[in-house]
Amino acid sequence: MTNTKVKWHNEDYDLGCDISKLNELGFNNSSYHNDLAPSYMNKKENIQIFFLDSNHSDIINEGIDYKFSVMKLNEHSEYDRTIGTTNSFNKMVEMVKSHE
């Protein structure tokens, strides 16, 4: 059975992908309670992906229409720039691999 949901702000939140696949790819949960959505970092901790549930009220209120937001981090693991956004899990993984 595929698990795509986590608890986020005490609600079920759909990451839109199999959580075990994230673990297999070496992604680690980097979510911070004040963030708009849950996030994961790659092994090198130089890329962060936000997982945006289009059915969650916070995402609807922000008018966000994509599932994954991929961000490049600097040497201090702080936001540097946005690499891209996509609705495709495979495309998100490609973005991460090409910018590590």
PDB file of N, CA and C in Angstrom:
ATOM      1  N   MET A   1       0.837  -1.183   0.000  1.00  0.00           N
ATOM      2  CA  MET A   1       0.000   0.000   0.000  1.00  0.00           C
ATOM      3  C   MET A   1       0.883   1.247   0.000  1.00  0.00           C
ATOM      4  N   THR A   2       0.566   2.200  -0.847  1.00  0.00           N
ATOM      5  CA  THR A   2       1.326   3.425  -0.976  1.00  0.00           C
ATOM      6  C   THR A   2       0.850   4.455   0.048  1.00  0.00           C
ATOM      7  N   ASN A   3       1.800   5.006   0.793  1.00  0.00           N
ATOM      8  CA  ASN A   3       1.474   6.043   1.757  1.00  0.00           C
ATOM      9  C   ASN A   3       1.914   7.389   1.190  1.00  0.00           C
ATOM     10  N   THR A   4       0.954   8.283   0.952  1.00  0.00           N
ATOM     11  CA  THR A   4       1.265   9.600   0.414  1.00  0.00           C
ATOM     12  C   THR A   4       0.936  10.717   1.408  1.00  0.00           C
ATOM     13  N   LYS A   5       0.377  10.366   2.560  1.00  0.00           N
ATOM     14  CA  LYS A   5      -0.096  11.389   3.488  1.00  0.00           C
ATOM     15  C   LYS A   5       0.732  11.451   4.764  1.00  0.00           C
ATOM     16  N   VAL A   6       0.886  12.684   5.251  1.00  0.00           N
ATOM     17  CA  VAL A   6       1.535  12.965   6.524  1.00  0.00           C
ATOM     18  C   VAL A   6       0.606  13.868   7.328  1.00  0.00           C
ATOM     19  N   LYS A   7       0.871  14.000   8.598  1.00  0.00           N
ATOM     20  CA  LYS A   7       0.146  14.972   9.420  1.00  0.00           C
ATOM     21  C   LYS A   7       0.869  16.302   9.290  1.00  0.00           C
ATOM     22  N   TRP A   8       0.138  17.337   8.929  1.00  0.00           N
ATOM     23  CA  TRP A   8       0.702  18.676   8.808  1.00  0.00           C
ATOM     24  C   TRP A   8      -0.280  19.645   9.435  1.00  0.00           C
ATOM     25  N   HIS A   9       0.145  20.354  10.466  1.00  0.00           N
ATOM     26  CA  HIS A   9      -0.705  21.267  11.224  1.00  0.00           C
ATOM     27  C   HIS A   9      -1.975  20.546  11.676  1.00  0.00           C
ATOM     28  N   ASN A  10      -1.774  19.320  12.150  1.00  0.00           N
ATOM     29  CA  ASN A  10      -2.834  18.470  12.695  1.00  0.00           C
ATOM     30  C   ASN A  10      -3.901  18.065  11.685  1.00  0.00           C
ATOM     31  N   GLU A  11      -3.554  18.093  10.419  1.00  0.00           N
ATOM     32  CA  GLU A  11      -4.477  17.651   9.367  1.00  0.00           C
ATOM     33  C   GLU A  11      -3.763  16.653   8.475  1.00  0.00           C
ATOM     34  N   ASP A  12      -4.539  15.794   7.793  1.00  0.00           N
ATOM     35  CA  ASP A  12      -3.951  14.935   6.776  1.00  0.00           C
ATOM     36  C   ASP A  12      -3.520  15.801   5.608  1.00  0.00           C
ATOM     37  N   TYR A  13      -2.300  15.570   5.136  1.00  0.00           N
ATOM     38  CA  TYR A  13      -1.724  16.383   4.064  1.00  0.00           C
ATOM     39  C   TYR A  13      -1.139  15.435   3.033  1.00  0.00           C
ATOM     40  N   ASP A  14      -1.556  15.578   1.795  1.00  0.00           N
ATOM     41  CA  ASP A  14      -1.128  14.675   0.731  1.00  0.00           C
ATOM     42  C   ASP A  14       0.141  15.217   0.059  1.00  0.00           C
ATOM     43  N   LEU A  15       1.241  14.466   0.185  1.00  0.00           N
ATOM     44  CA  LEU A  15       2.499  14.854  -0.453  1.00  0.00           C
ATOM     45  C   LEU A  15       2.473  14.619  -1.956  1.00  0.00           C
ATOM     46  N   GLY A  16       1.554  13.791  -2.418  1.00  0.00           N
ATOM     47  CA  GLY A  16       1.435  13.541  -3.854  1.00  0.00           C
ATOM     48  C   GLY A  16       2.431  12.543  -4.389  1.00  0.00           C
ATOM     49  N   CYS A  17       3.071  11.817  -3.491  1.00  0.00           N
ATOM     50  CA  CYS A  17       4.021  10.787  -3.913  1.00  0.00           C
ATOM     51  C   CYS A  17       4.186   9.784  -2.782  1.00  0.00           C
ATOM     52  N   ASP A  18       4.735   8.649  -3.117  1.00  0.00           N
ATOM     53  CA  ASP A  18       4.969   7.594  -2.141  1.00  0.00           C
ATOM     54  C   ASP A  18       6.112   8.018  -1.215  1.00  0.00           C
ATOM     55  N   ILE A  19       5.819   8.160   0.053  1.00  0.00           N
ATOM     56  CA  ILE A  19       6.816   8.615   1.024  1.00  0.00           C
ATOM     57  C   ILE A  19       8.011   7.668   1.082  1.00  0.00           C
ATOM     58  N   SER A  20       7.794   6.373   0.922  1.00  0.00           N
ATOM     59  CA  SER A  20       8.916   5.429   0.946  1.00  0.00           C
ATOM     60  C   SER A  20       9.869   5.677  -0.229  1.00  0.00           C
ATOM     61  N   LYS A  21       9.342   6.163  -1.362  1.00  0.00           N
ATOM     62  CA  LYS A  21      10.176   6.500  -2.515  1.00  0.00           C
ATOM     63  C   LYS A  21      11.094   7.676  -2.177  1.00  0.00           C
ATOM     64  N   LEU A  22      10.588   8.638  -1.423  1.00  0.00           N
ATOM     65  CA  LEU A  22      11.429   9.763  -0.986  1.00  0.00           C
ATOM     66  C   LEU A  22      12.599   9.262  -0.159  1.00  0.00           C
ATOM     67  N   ASN A  23      12.315   8.337   0.756  1.00  0.00           N
ATOM     68  CA  ASN A  23      13.367   7.772   1.593  1.00  0.00           C
ATOM     69  C   ASN A  23      14.384   7.000   0.763  1.00  0.00           C
ATOM     70  N   GLU A  24      13.905   6.225  -0.209  1.00  0.00           N
ATOM     71  CA  GLU A  24      14.804   5.470  -1.087  1.00  0.00           C
ATOM     72  C   GLU A  24      15.733   6.391  -1.874  1.00  0.00           C
ATOM     73  N   LEU A  25      15.235   7.551  -2.258  1.00  0.00           N
ATOM     74  CA  LEU A  25      16.023   8.514  -3.022  1.00  0.00           C
ATOM     75  C   LEU A  25      16.961   9.335  -2.129  1.00  0.00           C
ATOM     76  N   GLY A  26      16.879   9.124  -0.823  1.00  0.00           N
ATOM     77  CA  GLY A  26      17.771   9.812   0.103  1.00  0.00           C
ATOM     78  C   GLY A  26      17.286  11.160   0.584  1.00  0.00           C
ATOM     79  N   PHE A  27      16.014  11.480   0.356  1.00  0.00           N
ATOM     80  CA  PHE A  27      15.470  12.740   0.841  1.00  0.00           C
ATOM     81  C   PHE A  27      15.166  12.642   2.330  1.00  0.00           C
ATOM     82  N   ASN A  28      15.431  13.717   3.048  1.00  0.00           N
ATOM     83  CA  ASN A  28      15.155  13.785   4.483  1.00  0.00           C
ATOM     84  C   ASN A  28      14.139  14.886   4.759  1.00  0.00           C
ATOM     85  N   ASN A  29      13.240  14.616   5.681  1.00  0.00           N
ATOM     86  CA  ASN A  29      12.225  15.591   6.049  1.00  0.00           C
ATOM     87  C   ASN A  29      12.913  16.824   6.630  1.00  0.00           C
ATOM     88  N   SER A  30      12.604  17.985   6.068  1.00  0.00           N
ATOM     89  CA  SER A  30      13.193  19.248   6.537  1.00  0.00           C
ATOM     90  C   SER A  30      12.102  20.245   6.912  1.00  0.00           C
ATOM     91  N   SER A  31      10.912  19.732   7.149  1.00  0.00           N
ATOM     92  CA  SER A  31       9.765  20.590   7.445  1.00  0.00           C
ATOM     93  C   SER A  31       9.986  21.380   8.730  1.00  0.00           C
ATOM     94  N   TYR A  32       9.513  22.613   8.691  1.00  0.00           N
ATOM     95  CA  TYR A  32       9.545  23.483   9.857  1.00  0.00           C
ATOM     96  C   TYR A  32       8.115  23.927  10.109  1.00  0.00           C
ATOM     97  N   HIS A  33       7.700  23.920  11.342  1.00  0.00           N
ATOM     98  CA  HIS A  33       6.282  24.129  11.670  1.00  0.00           C
ATOM     99  C   HIS A  33       5.695  25.447  11.161  1.00  0.00           C
ATOM    100  N   ASN A  34       6.502  26.452  10.904  1.00  0.00           N
ATOM    101  CA  ASN A  34       5.989  27.723  10.399  1.00  0.00           C
ATOM    102  C   ASN A  34       5.877  27.771   8.883  1.00  0.00           C
ATOM    103  N   ASP A  35       6.392  26.757   8.191  1.00  0.00           N
ATOM    104  CA  ASP A  35       6.342  26.736   6.730  1.00  0.00           C
ATOM    105  C   ASP A  35       4.908  26.546   6.243  1.00  0.00           C
ATOM    106  N   LEU A  36       4.667  26.984   5.033  1.00  0.00           N
ATOM    107  CA  LEU A  36       3.354  26.831   4.402  1.00  0.00           C
ATOM    108  C   LEU A  36       3.030  25.364   4.143  1.00  0.00           C
ATOM    109  N   ALA A  37       4.074  24.571   3.847  1.00  0.00           N
ATOM    110  CA  ALA A  37       3.879  23.168   3.481  1.00  0.00           C
ATOM    111  C   ALA A  37       5.085  22.349   3.938  1.00  0.00           C
ATOM    112  N   PRO A  38       4.928  21.019   3.999  1.00  0.00           N
ATOM    113  CA  PRO A  38       6.059  20.157   4.345  1.00  0.00           C
ATOM    114  C   PRO A  38       7.151  20.235   3.277  1.00  0.00           C
ATOM    115  N   SER A  39       8.384  19.965   3.699  1.00  0.00           N
ATOM    116  CA  SER A  39       9.503  19.983   2.757  1.00  0.00           C
ATOM    117  C   SER A  39      10.472  18.849   3.050  1.00  0.00           C
ATOM    118  N   TYR A  40      11.246  18.523   2.022  1.00  0.00           N
ATOM    119  CA  TYR A  40      12.307  17.521   2.132  1.00  0.00           C
ATOM    120  C   TYR A  40      13.558  18.086   1.483  1.00  0.00           C
ATOM    121  N   MET A  41      14.735  17.664   1.993  1.00  0.00           N
ATOM    122  CA  MET A  41      16.024  18.046   1.407  1.00  0.00           C
ATOM    123  C   MET A  41      16.693  16.823   0.815  1.00  0.00           C
ATOM    124  N   ASN A  42      17.561  17.086  -0.161  1.00  0.00           N
ATOM    125  CA  ASN A  42      18.359  16.006  -0.721  1.00  0.00           C
ATOM    126  C   ASN A  42      19.502  15.662   0.242  1.00  0.00           C
ATOM    127  N   LYS A  43      20.264  14.617  -0.069  1.00  0.00           N
ATOM    128  CA  LYS A  43      21.359  14.162   0.796  1.00  0.00           C
ATOM    129  C   LYS A  43      22.393  15.252   1.045  1.00  0.00           C
ATOM    130  N   LYS A  44      22.696  16.021   0.005  1.00  0.00           N
ATOM    131  CA  LYS A  44      23.719  17.067   0.111  1.00  0.00           C
ATOM    132  C   LYS A  44      23.219  18.302   0.851  1.00  0.00           C
ATOM    133  N   GLU A  45      21.923  18.335   1.136  1.00  0.00           N
ATOM    134  CA  GLU A  45      21.272  19.457   1.808  1.00  0.00           C
ATOM    135  C   GLU A  45      21.500  20.780   1.082  1.00  0.00           C
ATOM    136  N   ASN A  46      21.563  20.708  -0.262  1.00  0.00           N
ATOM    137  CA  ASN A  46      21.682  21.930  -1.047  1.00  0.00           C
ATOM    138  C   ASN A  46      20.448  22.177  -1.916  1.00  0.00           C
ATOM    139  N   ILE A  47      19.461  21.286  -1.786  1.00  0.00           N
ATOM    140  CA  ILE A  47      18.192  21.453  -2.494  1.00  0.00           C
ATOM    141  C   ILE A  47      17.052  21.080  -1.554  1.00  0.00           C
ATOM    142  N   GLN A  48      16.026  21.932  -1.550  1.00  0.00           N
ATOM    143  CA  GLN A  48      14.845  21.704  -0.726  1.00  0.00           C
ATOM    144  C   GLN A  48      13.627  21.688  -1.629  1.00  0.00           C
ATOM    145  N   ILE A  49      12.739  20.725  -1.385  1.00  0.00           N
ATOM    146  CA  ILE A  49      11.520  20.592  -2.161  1.00  0.00           C
ATOM    147  C   ILE A  49      10.329  20.800  -1.236  1.00  0.00           C
ATOM    148  N   PHE A  50       9.445  21.714  -1.607  1.00  0.00           N
ATOM    149  CA  PHE A  50       8.199  21.883  -0.877  1.00  0.00           C
ATOM    150  C   PHE A  50       7.110  21.099  -1.595  1.00  0.00           C
ATOM    151  N   PHE A  51       6.303  20.381  -0.822  1.00  0.00           N
ATOM    152  CA  PHE A  51       5.232  19.530  -1.321  1.00  0.00           C
ATOM    153  C   PHE A  51       3.911  20.232  -1.049  1.00  0.00           C
ATOM    154  N   LEU A  52       3.239  20.652  -2.106  1.00  0.00           N
ATOM    155  CA  LEU A  52       2.073  21.509  -1.998  1.00  0.00           C
ATOM    156  C   LEU A  52       0.804  20.739  -2.349  1.00  0.00           C
ATOM    157  N   ASP A  53      -0.047  20.540  -1.359  1.00  0.00           N
ATOM    158  CA  ASP A  53      -1.296  19.787  -1.520  1.00  0.00           C
ATOM    159  C   ASP A  53      -2.382  20.725  -2.036  1.00  0.00           C
ATOM    160  N   SER A  54      -2.767  20.552  -3.298  1.00  0.00           N
ATOM    161  CA  SER A  54      -3.735  21.454  -3.935  1.00  0.00           C
ATOM    162  C   SER A  54      -5.116  21.415  -3.282  1.00  0.00           C
ATOM    163  N   ASN A  55      -5.364  20.439  -2.413  1.00  0.00           N
ATOM    164  CA  ASN A  55      -6.643  20.354  -1.712  1.00  0.00           C
ATOM    165  C   ASN A  55      -6.594  20.977  -0.324  1.00  0.00           C
ATOM    166  N   HIS A  56      -5.423  21.429   0.105  1.00  0.00           N
ATOM    167  CA  HIS A  56      -5.274  22.021   1.433  1.00  0.00           C
ATOM    168  C   HIS A  56      -5.652  23.498   1.378  1.00  0.00           C
ATOM    169  N   SER A  57      -6.391  23.962   2.361  1.00  0.00           N
ATOM    170  CA  SER A  57      -6.906  25.337   2.345  1.00  0.00           C
ATOM    171  C   SER A  57      -5.798  26.386   2.246  1.00  0.00           C
ATOM    172  N   ASP A  58      -4.660  26.172   2.891  1.00  0.00           N
ATOM    173  CA  ASP A  58      -3.559  27.144   2.814  1.00  0.00           C
ATOM    174  C   ASP A  58      -3.043  27.298   1.386  1.00  0.00           C
ATOM    175  N   ILE A  59      -2.952  26.190   0.672  1.00  0.00           N
ATOM    176  CA  ILE A  59      -2.455  26.217  -0.707  1.00  0.00           C
ATOM    177  C   ILE A  59      -3.506  26.843  -1.626  1.00  0.00           C
ATOM    178  N   ILE A  60      -4.757  26.520  -1.403  1.00  0.00           N
ATOM    179  CA  ILE A  60      -5.849  27.112  -2.185  1.00  0.00           C
ATOM    180  C   ILE A  60      -5.853  28.625  -1.985  1.00  0.00           C
ATOM    181  N   ASN A  61      -5.733  29.079  -0.737  1.00  0.00           N
ATOM    182  CA  ASN A  61      -5.749  30.514  -0.436  1.00  0.00           C
ATOM    183  C   ASN A  61      -4.579  31.256  -1.079  1.00  0.00           C
ATOM    184  N   GLU A  62      -3.456  30.594  -1.246  1.00  0.00           N
ATOM    185  CA  GLU A  62      -2.283  31.207  -1.879  1.00  0.00           C
ATOM    186  C   GLU A  62      -2.370  31.185  -3.404  1.00  0.00           C
ATOM    187  N   GLY A  63      -3.321  30.433  -3.952  1.00  0.00           N
ATOM    188  CA  GLY A  63      -3.483  30.349  -5.402  1.00  0.00           C
ATOM    189  C   GLY A  63      -2.383  29.556  -6.086  1.00  0.00           C
ATOM    190  N   ILE A  64      -1.773  28.640  -5.364  1.00  0.00           N
ATOM    191  CA  ILE A  64      -0.677  27.827  -5.914  1.00  0.00           C
ATOM    192  C   ILE A  64      -1.270  26.698  -6.734  1.00  0.00           C
ATOM    193  N   ASP A  65      -0.769  26.508  -7.959  1.00  0.00           N
ATOM    194  CA  ASP A  65      -1.322  25.487  -8.848  1.00  0.00           C
ATOM    195  C   ASP A  65      -0.296  24.435  -9.272  1.00  0.00           C
ATOM    196  N   TYR A  66       0.753  24.268  -8.496  1.00  0.00           N
ATOM    197  CA  TYR A  66       1.755  23.236  -8.770  1.00  0.00           C
ATOM    198  C   TYR A  66       1.975  22.411  -7.508  1.00  0.00           C
ATOM    199  N   LYS A  67       2.483  21.212  -7.700  1.00  0.00           N
ATOM    200  CA  LYS A  67       2.632  20.256  -6.605  1.00  0.00           C
ATOM    201  C   LYS A  67       3.990  20.347  -5.908  1.00  0.00           C
ATOM    202  N   PHE A  68       5.048  20.579  -6.690  1.00  0.00           N
ATOM    203  CA  PHE A  68       6.408  20.573  -6.140  1.00  0.00           C
ATOM    204  C   PHE A  68       7.122  21.881  -6.459  1.00  0.00           C
ATOM    205  N   SER A  69       7.753  22.466  -5.467  1.00  0.00           N
ATOM    206  CA  SER A  69       8.563  23.659  -5.652  1.00  0.00           C
ATOM    207  C   SER A  69       9.992  23.301  -5.235  1.00  0.00           C
ATOM    208  N   VAL A  70      10.925  23.409  -6.185  1.00  0.00           N
ATOM    209  CA  VAL A  70      12.313  22.976  -5.967  1.00  0.00           C
ATOM    210  C   VAL A  70      13.185  24.216  -5.808  1.00  0.00           C
ATOM    211  N   MET A  71      13.916  24.271  -4.685  1.00  0.00           N
ATOM    212  CA  MET A  71      14.724  25.446  -4.371  1.00  0.00           C
ATOM    213  C   MET A  71      16.185  25.076  -4.140  1.00  0.00           C
ATOM    214  N   LYS A  72      17.070  25.907  -4.631  1.00  0.00           N
ATOM    215  CA  LYS A  72      18.505  25.755  -4.418  1.00  0.00           C
ATOM    216  C   LYS A  72      18.853  26.454  -3.106  1.00  0.00           C
ATOM    217  N   LEU A  73      19.677  25.811  -2.295  1.00  0.00           N
ATOM    218  CA  LEU A  73      20.118  26.375  -1.025  1.00  0.00           C
ATOM    219  C   LEU A  73      21.601  26.721  -1.104  1.00  0.00           C
ATOM    220  N   ASN A  74      22.027  27.704  -0.336  1.00  0.00           N
ATOM    221  CA  ASN A  74      23.443  28.065  -0.322  1.00  0.00           C
ATOM    222  C   ASN A  74      24.219  27.179   0.656  1.00  0.00           C
ATOM    223  N   GLU A  75      25.465  27.508   0.883  1.00  0.00           N
ATOM    224  CA  GLU A  75      26.321  26.689   1.747  1.00  0.00           C
ATOM    225  C   GLU A  75      25.870  26.687   3.205  1.00  0.00           C
ATOM    226  N   HIS A  76      24.971  27.589   3.578  1.00  0.00           N
ATOM    227  CA  HIS A  76      24.426  27.640   4.938  1.00  0.00           C
ATOM    228  C   HIS A  76      23.033  27.015   5.011  1.00  0.00           C
ATOM    229  N   SER A  77      22.659  26.307   3.953  1.00  0.00           N
ATOM    230  CA  SER A  77      21.334  25.682   3.829  1.00  0.00           C
ATOM    231  C   SER A  77      20.207  26.706   3.896  1.00  0.00           C
ATOM    232  N   GLU A  78      20.473  27.907   3.374  1.00  0.00           N
ATOM    233  CA  GLU A  78      19.468  28.953   3.295  1.00  0.00           C
ATOM    234  C   GLU A  78      19.054  29.134   1.833  1.00  0.00           C
ATOM    235  N   TYR A  79      17.841  29.611   1.620  1.00  0.00           N
ATOM    236  CA  TYR A  79      17.306  29.809   0.275  1.00  0.00           C
ATOM    237  C   TYR A  79      18.239  30.664  -0.571  1.00  0.00           C
ATOM    238  N   ASP A  80      18.530  30.188  -1.783  1.00  0.00           N
ATOM    239  CA  ASP A  80      19.337  30.932  -2.744  1.00  0.00           C
ATOM    240  C   ASP A  80      18.476  31.368  -3.932  1.00  0.00           C
ATOM    241  N   ARG A  81      17.768  30.386  -4.536  1.00  0.00           N
ATOM    242  CA  ARG A  81      16.916  30.692  -5.680  1.00  0.00           C
ATOM    243  C   ARG A  81      15.969  29.528  -5.935  1.00  0.00           C
ATOM    244  N   THR A  82      14.919  29.801  -6.691  1.00  0.00           N
ATOM    245  CA  THR A  82      13.985  28.756  -7.086  1.00  0.00           C
ATOM    246  C   THR A  82      14.484  28.114  -8.370  1.00  0.00           C
ATOM    247  N   ILE A  83      14.598  26.809  -8.362  1.00  0.00           N
ATOM    248  CA  ILE A  83      15.007  26.061  -9.554  1.00  0.00           C
ATOM    249  C   ILE A  83      13.816  25.904 -10.485  1.00  0.00           C
ATOM    250  N   GLY A  84      12.669  25.554  -9.926  1.00  0.00           N
ATOM    251  CA  GLY A  84      11.479  25.397 -10.748  1.00  0.00           C
ATOM    252  C   GLY A  84      10.317  24.808  -9.974  1.00  0.00           C
ATOM    253  N   THR A  85       9.177  24.752 -10.635  1.00  0.00           N
ATOM    254  CA  THR A  85       7.979  24.146 -10.073  1.00  0.00           C
ATOM    255  C   THR A  85       7.430  23.160 -11.091  1.00  0.00           C
ATOM    256  N   THR A  86       6.727  22.136 -10.590  1.00  0.00           N
ATOM    257  CA  THR A  86       6.167  21.117 -11.471  1.00  0.00           C
ATOM    258  C   THR A  86       5.060  20.364 -10.751  1.00  0.00           C
ATOM    259  N   ASN A  87       4.247  19.679 -11.527  1.00  0.00           N
ATOM    260  CA  ASN A  87       3.244  18.765 -10.986  1.00  0.00           C
ATOM    261  C   ASN A  87       3.690  17.316 -11.119  1.00  0.00           C
ATOM    262  N   SER A  88       4.845  17.081 -11.701  1.00  0.00           N
ATOM    263  CA  SER A  88       5.345  15.739 -11.965  1.00  0.00           C
ATOM    264  C   SER A  88       6.430  15.340 -10.962  1.00  0.00           C
ATOM    265  N   PHE A  89       6.226  14.212 -10.282  1.00  0.00           N
ATOM    266  CA  PHE A  89       7.229  13.702  -9.349  1.00  0.00           C
ATOM    267  C   PHE A  89       8.538  13.419 -10.080  1.00  0.00           C
ATOM    268  N   ASN A  90       8.457  12.763 -11.240  1.00  0.00           N
ATOM    269  CA  ASN A  90       9.674  12.420 -11.989  1.00  0.00           C
ATOM    270  C   ASN A  90      10.431  13.666 -12.436  1.00  0.00           C
ATOM    271  N   LYS A  91       9.718  14.691 -12.872  1.00  0.00           N
ATOM    272  CA  LYS A  91      10.354  15.941 -13.275  1.00  0.00           C
ATOM    273  C   LYS A  91      11.023  16.608 -12.068  1.00  0.00           C
ATOM    274  N   MET A  92      10.386  16.548 -10.916  1.00  0.00           N
ATOM    275  CA  MET A  92      10.970  17.108  -9.696  1.00  0.00           C
ATOM    276  C   MET A  92      12.288  16.410  -9.384  1.00  0.00           C
ATOM    277  N   VAL A  93      12.294  15.078  -9.479  1.00  0.00           N
ATOM    278  CA  VAL A  93      13.527  14.317  -9.210  1.00  0.00           C
ATOM    279  C   VAL A  93      14.611  14.696 -10.217  1.00  0.00           C
ATOM    280  N   GLU A  94      14.247  14.869 -11.475  1.00  0.00           N
ATOM    281  CA  GLU A  94      15.208  15.299 -12.505  1.00  0.00           C
ATOM    282  C   GLU A  94      15.801  16.665 -12.162  1.00  0.00           C
ATOM    283  N   MET A  95      14.966  17.591 -11.714  1.00  0.00           N
ATOM    284  CA  MET A  95      15.447  18.922 -11.331  1.00  0.00           C
ATOM    285  C   MET A  95      16.469  18.825 -10.200  1.00  0.00           C
ATOM    286  N   VAL A  96      16.159  17.995  -9.212  1.00  0.00           N
ATOM    287  CA  VAL A  96      17.077  17.828  -8.085  1.00  0.00           C
ATOM    288  C   VAL A  96      18.412  17.269  -8.571  1.00  0.00           C
ATOM    289  N   LYS A  97      18.360  16.202  -9.337  1.00  0.00           N
ATOM    290  CA  LYS A  97      19.595  15.560  -9.807  1.00  0.00           C
ATOM    291  C   LYS A  97      20.436  16.480 -10.677  1.00  0.00           C
ATOM    292  N   SER A  98      19.793  17.302 -11.506  1.00  0.00           N
ATOM    293  CA  SER A  98      20.555  18.159 -12.409  1.00  0.00           C
ATOM    294  C   SER A  98      21.121  19.406 -11.716  1.00  0.00           C
ATOM    295  N   HIS A  99      20.700  19.681 -10.487  1.00  0.00           N
ATOM    296  CA  HIS A  99      21.189  20.866  -9.774  1.00  0.00           C
ATOM    297  C   HIS A  99      21.957  20.545  -8.493  1.00  0.00           C
ATOM    298  N   GLU A 100      22.218  19.274  -8.237  1.00  0.00           N
ATOM    299  CA  GLU A 100      22.978  18.920  -7.027  1.00  0.00           C
ATOM    300  C   GLU A 100      24.375  19.375  -7.226  1.00  0.00           C
TER     301      GLU A 100
END
